[in-house]
Amino acid sequence: YIFPGILEGSTVYMYDFATVGAAEVSVTFKGNEGSP
């Protein structure tokens, strides 16, 4: 499985995409380069 996340110390947390209101969300996969 591939997933977006944040590494804090030795713990990986799922990335929490947040919007205020009903907005569209987009995230571009660039692997080891992250996301613009």
All heavy atoms as atom14 arrays in JSON, in Angstrom:
{
  "sequence": "YIFPGILEGSTVYMYDFATVGAAEVSVTFKGNEGSP",
  "atom14_mask": [
    [1, 1, 1, 1, 1, 1, 1, 1, 1, 1, 1, 1, 0, 0],
    [1, 1, 1, 1, 1, 1, 1, 1, 0, 0, 0, 0, 0, 0],
    [1, 1, 1, 1, 1, 1, 1, 1, 1, 1, 1, 0, 0, 0],
    [1, 1, 1, 1, 1, 1, 1, 0, 0, 0, 0, 0, 0, 0],
    [1, 1, 1, 1, 0, 0, 0, 0, 0, 0, 0, 0, 0, 0],
    [1, 1, 1, 1, 1, 1, 1, 1, 0, 0, 0, 0, 0, 0],
    [1, 1, 1, 1, 1, 1, 1, 1, 0, 0, 0, 0, 0, 0],
    [1, 1, 1, 1, 1, 1, 1, 1, 1, 0, 0, 0, 0, 0],
    [1, 1, 1, 1, 0, 0, 0, 0, 0, 0, 0, 0, 0, 0],
    [1, 1, 1, 1, 1, 1, 0, 0, 0, 0, 0, 0, 0, 0],
    [1, 1, 1, 1, 1, 1, 1, 0, 0, 0, 0, 0, 0, 0],
    [1, 1, 1, 1, 1, 1, 1, 0, 0, 0, 0, 0, 0, 0],
    [1, 1, 1, 1, 1, 1, 1, 1, 1, 1, 1, 1, 0, 0],
    [1, 1, 1, 1, 1, 1, 1, 1, 0, 0, 0, 0, 0, 0],
    [1, 1, 1, 1, 1, 1, 1, 1, 1, 1, 1, 1, 0, 0],
    [1, 1, 1, 1, 1, 1, 1, 1, 0, 0, 0, 0, 0, 0],
    [1, 1, 1, 1, 1, 1, 1, 1, 1, 1, 1, 0, 0, 0],
    [1, 1, 1, 1, 1, 0, 0, 0, 0, 0, 0, 0, 0, 0],
    [1, 1, 1, 1, 1, 1, 1, 0, 0, 0, 0, 0, 0, 0],
    [1, 1, 1, 1, 1, 1, 1, 0, 0, 0, 0, 0, 0, 0],
    [1, 1, 1, 1, 0, 0, 0, 0, 0, 0, 0, 0, 0, 0],
    [1, 1, 1, 1, 1, 0, 0, 0, 0, 0, 0, 0, 0, 0],
    [1, 1, 1, 1, 1, 0, 0, 0, 0, 0, 0, 0, 0, 0],
    [1, 1, 1, 1, 1, 1, 1, 1, 1, 0, 0, 0, 0, 0],
    [1, 1, 1, 1, 1, 1, 1, 0, 0, 0, 0, 0, 0, 0],
    [1, 1, 1, 1, 1, 1, 0, 0, 0, 0, 0, 0, 0, 0],
    [1, 1, 1, 1, 1, 1, 1, 0, 0, 0, 0, 0, 0, 0],
    [1, 1, 1, 1, 1, 1, 1, 0, 0, 0, 0, 0, 0, 0],
    [1, 1, 1, 1, 1, 1, 1, 1, 1, 1, 1, 0, 0, 0],
    [1, 1, 1, 1, 1, 1, 1, 1, 1, 0, 0, 0, 0, 0],
    [1, 1, 1, 1, 0, 0, 0, 0, 0, 0, 0, 0, 0, 0],
    [1, 1, 1, 1, 1, 1, 1, 1, 0, 0, 0, 0, 0, 0],
    [1, 1, 1, 1, 1, 1, 1, 1, 1, 0, 0, 0, 0, 0],
    [1, 1, 1, 1, 0, 0, 0, 0, 0, 0, 0, 0, 0, 0],
    [1, 1, 1, 1, 1, 1, 0, 0, 0, 0, 0, 0, 0, 0],
    [1, 1, 1, 1, 1, 1, 1, 0, 0, 0, 0, 0, 0, 0]
  ],
  "atom14_positions": [
    [[0.85, -1.19, 0.0], [0.0, 0.0, 0.0], [0.88, 1.23, 0.0], [1.94, 1.26, 0.62], [-0.91, 0.05, 1.23], [-1.55, -1.28, 1.56], [-1.09, -2.04, 2.63], [-2.6, -1.76, 0.8], [-1.68, -3.25, 2.93], [-3.2, -2.96, 1.11], [-2.73, -3.72, 2.17], [-3.31, -4.91, 2.46], [0.0, 0.0, 0.0], [0.0, 0.0, 0.0]],
    [[0.42, 2.26, -0.68], [1.12, 3.53, -0.72], [0.22, 4.56, -0.06], [-0.99, 4.62, -0.36], [1.43, 3.94, -2.17], [2.26, 2.85, -2.87], [2.17, 5.28, -2.21], [2.32, 3.02, -4.38], [0.0, 0.0, 0.0], [0.0, 0.0, 0.0], [0.0, 0.0, 0.0], [0.0, 0.0, 0.0], [0.0, 0.0, 0.0], [0.0, 0.0, 0.0]],
    [[0.78, 5.36, 0.81], [-0.07, 6.34, 1.49], [0.73, 7.6, 1.81], [1.95, 7.56, 1.98], [-0.67, 5.75, 2.77], [0.34, 5.42, 3.85], [0.66, 6.36, 4.84], [0.96, 4.18, 3.9], [1.57, 6.05, 5.83], [1.87, 3.88, 4.9], [2.18, 4.81, 5.87], [0.0, 0.0, 0.0], [0.0, 0.0, 0.0], [0.0, 0.0, 0.0]],
    [[0.03, 8.75, 1.93], [0.69, 9.99, 2.33], [0.76, 10.08, 3.85], [-0.18, 9.69, 4.55], [-0.23, 11.07, 1.75], [-1.59, 10.44, 1.79], [-1.38, 8.98, 1.57], [0.0, 0.0, 0.0], [0.0, 0.0, 0.0], [0.0, 0.0, 0.0], [0.0, 0.0, 0.0], [0.0, 0.0, 0.0], [0.0, 0.0, 0.0], [0.0, 0.0, 0.0]],
    [[1.88, 10.58, 4.33], [2.01, 10.67, 5.78], [3.06, 11.65, 6.2], [3.68, 12.35, 5.39], [0.0, 0.0, 0.0], [0.0, 0.0, 0.0], [0.0, 0.0, 0.0], [0.0, 0.0, 0.0], [0.0, 0.0, 0.0], [0.0, 0.0, 0.0], [0.0, 0.0, 0.0], [0.0, 0.0, 0.0], [0.0, 0.0, 0.0], [0.0, 0.0, 0.0]],
    [[3.27, 11.69, 7.52], [4.29, 12.53, 8.14], [5.05, 11.67, 9.12], [4.45, 10.95, 9.93], [3.66, 13.74, 8.86], [2.92, 14.64, 7.87], [4.71, 14.53, 9.61], [2.2, 15.8, 8.54], [0.0, 0.0, 0.0], [0.0, 0.0, 0.0], [0.0, 0.0, 0.0], [0.0, 0.0, 0.0], [0.0, 0.0, 0.0], [0.0, 0.0, 0.0]],
    [[6.37, 11.72, 9.08], [7.21, 11.0, 10.03], [7.62, 11.95, 11.15], [8.25, 12.98, 10.9], [8.46, 10.45, 9.33], [9.44, 9.69, 10.23], [8.81, 8.45, 10.83], [10.71, 9.34, 9.46], [0.0, 0.0, 0.0], [0.0, 0.0, 0.0], [0.0, 0.0, 0.0], [0.0, 0.0, 0.0], [0.0, 0.0, 0.0], [0.0, 0.0, 0.0]],
    [[7.21, 11.63, 12.36], [7.61, 12.39, 13.54], [8.32, 11.46, 14.49], [7.71, 10.57, 15.08], [6.39, 13.02, 14.21], [5.68, 14.07, 13.34], [4.54, 14.75, 14.08], [4.28, 14.37, 15.24], [3.9, 15.64, 13.49], [0.0, 0.0, 0.0], [0.0, 0.0, 0.0], [0.0, 0.0, 0.0], [0.0, 0.0, 0.0], [0.0, 0.0, 0.0]],
    [[9.62, 11.65, 14.6], [10.43, 10.73, 15.39], [10.45, 9.39, 14.7], [10.87, 9.27, 13.55], [0.0, 0.0, 0.0], [0.0, 0.0, 0.0], [0.0, 0.0, 0.0], [0.0, 0.0, 0.0], [0.0, 0.0, 0.0], [0.0, 0.0, 0.0], [0.0, 0.0, 0.0], [0.0, 0.0, 0.0], [0.0, 0.0, 0.0], [0.0, 0.0, 0.0]],
    [[9.99, 8.34, 15.39], [9.94, 7.01, 14.79], [8.52, 6.6, 14.45], [8.27, 5.44, 14.12], [10.53, 5.98, 15.78], [9.78, 5.97, 16.99], [0.0, 0.0, 0.0], [0.0, 0.0, 0.0], [0.0, 0.0, 0.0], [0.0, 0.0, 0.0], [0.0, 0.0, 0.0], [0.0, 0.0, 0.0], [0.0, 0.0, 0.0], [0.0, 0.0, 0.0]],
    [[7.6, 7.56, 14.5], [6.2, 7.24, 14.25], [5.73, 7.89, 12.96], [5.97, 9.07, 12.72], [5.31, 7.74, 15.42], [5.75, 7.13, 16.63], [3.84, 7.36, 15.18], [0.0, 0.0, 0.0], [0.0, 0.0, 0.0], [0.0, 0.0, 0.0], [0.0, 0.0, 0.0], [0.0, 0.0, 0.0], [0.0, 0.0, 0.0], [0.0, 0.0, 0.0]],
    [[5.05, 7.09, 12.14], [4.47, 7.58, 10.9], [2.99, 7.84, 11.13], [2.26, 6.96, 11.59], [4.65, 6.57, 9.76], [3.95, 7.07, 8.5], [6.12, 6.33, 9.48], [0.0, 0.0, 0.0], [0.0, 0.0, 0.0], [0.0, 0.0, 0.0], [0.0, 0.0, 0.0], [0.0, 0.0, 0.0], [0.0, 0.0, 0.0], [0.0, 0.0, 0.0]],
    [[2.56, 9.05, 10.79], [1.15, 9.41, 10.91], [0.57, 9.61, 9.52], [1.21, 10.19, 8.63], [0.98, 10.7, 11.72], [1.4, 10.56, 13.16], [2.69, 10.93, 13.56], [0.52, 10.05, 14.11], [3.08, 10.8, 14.88], [0.91, 9.92, 15.44], [2.19, 10.29, 15.82], [2.59, 10.15, 17.13], [0.0, 0.0, 0.0], [0.0, 0.0, 0.0]],
    [[-0.66, 9.14, 9.35], [-1.36, 9.39, 8.09], [-1.53, 10.89, 7.9], [-1.77, 11.64, 8.86], [-2.74, 8.73, 8.1], [-2.7, 7.21, 8.14], [-2.01, 6.49, 6.65], [-3.16, 7.09, 5.41], [0.0, 0.0, 0.0], [0.0, 0.0, 0.0], [0.0, 0.0, 0.0], [0.0, 0.0, 0.0], [0.0, 0.0, 0.0], [0.0, 0.0, 0.0]],
    [[-1.41, 11.34, 6.65], [-1.59, 12.76, 6.39], [-3.07, 13.12, 6.47], [-3.92, 12.46, 5.87], [-1.04, 13.14, 5.01], [-0.77, 14.62, 4.89], [0.45, 15.15, 5.28], [-1.75, 15.49, 4.43], [0.71, 16.51, 5.2], [-1.51, 16.85, 4.34], [-0.28, 17.36, 4.74], [-0.03, 18.71, 4.68], [0.0, 0.0, 0.0], [0.0, 0.0, 0.0]],
    [[-3.37, 14.16, 7.22], [-4.75, 14.58, 7.44], [-5.03, 15.78, 6.54], [-4.55, 16.89, 6.79], [-4.92, 14.96, 8.92], [-6.36, 14.95, 9.35], [-7.17, 14.21, 8.77], [-6.7, 15.69, 10.3], [0.0, 0.0, 0.0], [0.0, 0.0, 0.0], [0.0, 0.0, 0.0], [0.0, 0.0, 0.0], [0.0, 0.0, 0.0], [0.0, 0.0, 0.0]],
    [[-5.79, 15.57, 5.48], [-6.15, 16.65, 4.57], [-7.36, 17.38, 5.16], [-8.41, 16.77, 5.38], [-6.49, 16.11, 3.18], [-5.34, 15.4, 2.51], [-5.16, 14.03, 2.66], [-4.43, 16.11, 1.73], [-4.11, 13.39, 2.03], [-3.38, 15.47, 1.1], [-3.21, 14.1, 1.26], [0.0, 0.0, 0.0], [0.0, 0.0, 0.0], [0.0, 0.0, 0.0]],
    [[-7.22, 18.67, 5.39], [-8.28, 19.44, 6.03], [-8.7, 20.59, 5.14], [-7.87, 21.25, 4.51], [-7.81, 19.98, 7.38], [0.0, 0.0, 0.0], [0.0, 0.0, 0.0], [0.0, 0.0, 0.0], [0.0, 0.0, 0.0], [0.0, 0.0, 0.0], [0.0, 0.0, 0.0], [0.0, 0.0, 0.0], [0.0, 0.0, 0.0], [0.0, 0.0, 0.0]],
    [[-10.01, 20.83, 5.08], [-10.54, 21.99, 4.37], [-11.58, 22.67, 5.24], [-12.25, 22.04, 6.06], [-11.21, 21.59, 3.03], [-12.41, 20.86, 3.29], [-10.26, 20.77, 2.17], [0.0, 0.0, 0.0], [0.0, 0.0, 0.0], [0.0, 0.0, 0.0], [0.0, 0.0, 0.0], [0.0, 0.0, 0.0], [0.0, 0.0, 0.0], [0.0, 0.0, 0.0]],
    [[-11.71, 23.97, 5.07], [-12.77, 24.73, 5.72], [-13.88, 24.89, 4.69], [-13.72, 25.56, 3.68], [-12.27, 26.1, 6.21], [-13.42, 26.89, 6.81], [-11.16, 25.91, 7.23], [0.0, 0.0, 0.0], [0.0, 0.0, 0.0], [0.0, 0.0, 0.0], [0.0, 0.0, 0.0], [0.0, 0.0, 0.0], [0.0, 0.0, 0.0], [0.0, 0.0, 0.0]],
    [[-14.99, 24.24, 4.93], [-16.04, 24.22, 3.94], [-15.84, 23.08, 2.96], [-14.85, 22.34, 3.0], [0.0, 0.0, 0.0], [0.0, 0.0, 0.0], [0.0, 0.0, 0.0], [0.0, 0.0, 0.0], [0.0, 0.0, 0.0], [0.0, 0.0, 0.0], [0.0, 0.0, 0.0], [0.0, 0.0, 0.0], [0.0, 0.0, 0.0], [0.0, 0.0, 0.0]],
    [[-16.79, 22.94, 2.05], [-16.82, 21.8, 1.13], [-15.95, 22.07, -0.08], [-16.45, 22.28, -1.2], [-18.26, 21.5, 0.72], [0.0, 0.0, 0.0], [0.0, 0.0, 0.0], [0.0, 0.0, 0.0], [0.0, 0.0, 0.0], [0.0, 0.0, 0.0], [0.0, 0.0, 0.0], [0.0, 0.0, 0.0], [0.0, 0.0, 0.0], [0.0, 0.0, 0.0]],
    [[-14.64, 22.05, 0.11], [-13.71, 22.36, -0.99], [-13.17, 21.09, -1.62], [-13.11, 20.03, -0.99], [-12.56, 23.2, -0.46], [0.0, 0.0, 0.0], [0.0, 0.0, 0.0], [0.0, 0.0, 0.0], [0.0, 0.0, 0.0], [0.0, 0.0, 0.0], [0.0, 0.0, 0.0], [0.0, 0.0, 0.0], [0.0, 0.0, 0.0], [0.0, 0.0, 0.0]],
    [[-12.77, 21.22, -2.88], [-12.1, 20.13, -3.57], [-10.71, 19.93, -2.97], [-10.04, 20.89, -2.57], [-12.01, 20.46, -5.05], [-11.29, 19.44, -5.89], [-11.14, 19.91, -7.33], [-12.08, 19.67, -8.12], [-10.11, 20.54, -7.65], [0.0, 0.0, 0.0], [0.0, 0.0, 0.0], [0.0, 0.0, 0.0], [0.0, 0.0, 0.0], [0.0, 0.0, 0.0]],
    [[-10.26, 18.67, -2.93], [-8.92, 18.35, -2.43], [-8.14, 17.69, -3.56], [-8.66, 16.81, -4.26], [-8.98, 17.41, -1.22], [-7.58, 17.12, -0.7], [-9.85, 18.0, -0.12], [0.0, 0.0, 0.0], [0.0, 0.0, 0.0], [0.0, 0.0, 0.0], [0.0, 0.0, 0.0], [0.0, 0.0, 0.0], [0.0, 0.0, 0.0], [0.0, 0.0, 0.0]],
    [[-6.89, 18.1, -3.74], [-6.04, 17.46, -4.74], [-4.64, 17.3, -4.16], [-4.15, 18.18, -3.44], [-5.99, 18.27, -6.03], [-5.42, 19.54, -5.81], [0.0, 0.0, 0.0], [0.0, 0.0, 0.0], [0.0, 0.0, 0.0], [0.0, 0.0, 0.0], [0.0, 0.0, 0.0], [0.0, 0.0, 0.0], [0.0, 0.0, 0.0], [0.0, 0.0, 0.0]],
    [[-4.03, 16.17, -4.47], [-2.66, 15.9, -4.03], [-1.96, 15.13, -5.15], [-2.49, 14.14, -5.65], [-2.63, 15.13, -2.7], [-3.43, 13.84, -2.77], [-1.19, 14.86, -2.26], [0.0, 0.0, 0.0], [0.0, 0.0, 0.0], [0.0, 0.0, 0.0], [0.0, 0.0, 0.0], [0.0, 0.0, 0.0], [0.0, 0.0, 0.0], [0.0, 0.0, 0.0]],
    [[-0.8, 15.61, -5.54], [-0.06, 15.0, -6.64], [0.99, 14.05, -6.09], [1.76, 14.41, -5.18], [0.62, 16.07, -7.51], [-0.39, 16.95, -8.03], [1.38, 15.44, -8.66], [0.0, 0.0, 0.0], [0.0, 0.0, 0.0], [0.0, 0.0, 0.0], [0.0, 0.0, 0.0], [0.0, 0.0, 0.0], [0.0, 0.0, 0.0], [0.0, 0.0, 0.0]],
    [[1.03, 12.85, -6.63], [2.0, 11.85, -6.2], [3.32, 12.07, -6.93], [3.38, 12.0, -8.17], [1.47, 10.44, -6.51], [2.46, 9.36, -6.16], [2.54, 8.86, -4.87], [3.33, 8.86, -7.12], [3.46, 7.88, -4.56], [4.25, 7.87, -6.82], [4.32, 7.38, -5.52], [0.0, 0.0, 0.0], [0.0, 0.0, 0.0], [0.0, 0.0, 0.0]],
    [[4.38, 12.39, -6.15], [5.73, 12.45, -6.72], [6.7, 11.64, -5.89], [7.91, 11.92, -5.84], [6.18, 13.91, -6.82], [5.41, 14.68, -7.89], [6.12, 15.94, -8.33], [5.42, 16.55, -9.53], [6.11, 17.77, -10.03], [0.0, 0.0, 0.0], [0.0, 0.0, 0.0], [0.0, 0.0, 0.0], [0.0, 0.0, 0.0], [0.0, 0.0, 0.0]],
    [[6.13, 10.6, -5.24], [6.97, 9.64, -4.55], [7.93, 10.26, -3.56], [7.53, 11.01, -2.66], [0.0, 0.0, 0.0], [0.0, 0.0, 0.0], [0.0, 0.0, 0.0], [0.0, 0.0, 0.0], [0.0, 0.0, 0.0], [0.0, 0.0, 0.0], [0.0, 0.0, 0.0], [0.0, 0.0, 0.0], [0.0, 0.0, 0.0], [0.0, 0.0, 0.0]],
    [[9.24, 9.99, -3.78], [10.25, 10.48, -2.84], [10.48, 11.98, -2.93], [11.26, 12.55, -2.16], [11.58, 9.74, -3.04], [12.08, 9.81, -4.47], [11.59, 10.63, -5.26], [13.06, 8.96, -4.81], [0.0, 0.0, 0.0], [0.0, 0.0, 0.0], [0.0, 0.0, 0.0], [0.0, 0.0, 0.0], [0.0, 0.0, 0.0], [0.0, 0.0, 0.0]],
    [[9.76, 12.63, -3.85], [9.84, 14.08, -3.92], [8.66, 14.75, -3.21], [8.54, 15.97, -3.2], [9.87, 14.53, -5.39], [11.1, 14.03, -6.15], [11.06, 14.43, -7.61], [10.1, 15.15, -8.0], [11.98, 14.04, -8.36], [0.0, 0.0, 0.0], [0.0, 0.0, 0.0], [0.0, 0.0, 0.0], [0.0, 0.0, 0.0], [0.0, 0.0, 0.0]],
    [[7.76, 13.95, -2.65], [6.64, 14.49, -1.89], [5.49, 14.92, -2.78], [5.13, 14.23, -3.74], [0.0, 0.0, 0.0], [0.0, 0.0, 0.0], [0.0, 0.0, 0.0], [0.0, 0.0, 0.0], [0.0, 0.0, 0.0], [0.0, 0.0, 0.0], [0.0, 0.0, 0.0], [0.0, 0.0, 0.0], [0.0, 0.0, 0.0], [0.0, 0.0, 0.0]],
    [[4.93, 16.09, -2.48], [3.79, 16.61, -3.24], [3.92, 18.11, -3.31], [4.18, 18.78, -2.3], [2.47, 16.23, -2.58], [1.39, 16.9, -3.18], [0.0, 0.0, 0.0], [0.0, 0.0, 0.0], [0.0, 0.0, 0.0], [0.0, 0.0, 0.0], [0.0, 0.0, 0.0], [0.0, 0.0, 0.0], [0.0, 0.0, 0.0], [0.0, 0.0, 0.0]],
    [[3.76, 18.72, -4.49], [3.91, 20.17, -4.6], [2.83, 20.94, -3.83], [3.04, 22.09, -3.48], [3.8, 20.43, -6.11], [3.05, 19.26, -6.66], [3.46, 18.09, -5.8], [0.0, 0.0, 0.0], [0.0, 0.0, 0.0], [0.0, 0.0, 0.0], [0.0, 0.0, 0.0], [0.0, 0.0, 0.0], [0.0, 0.0, 0.0], [0.0, 0.0, 0.0]]
  ]
}
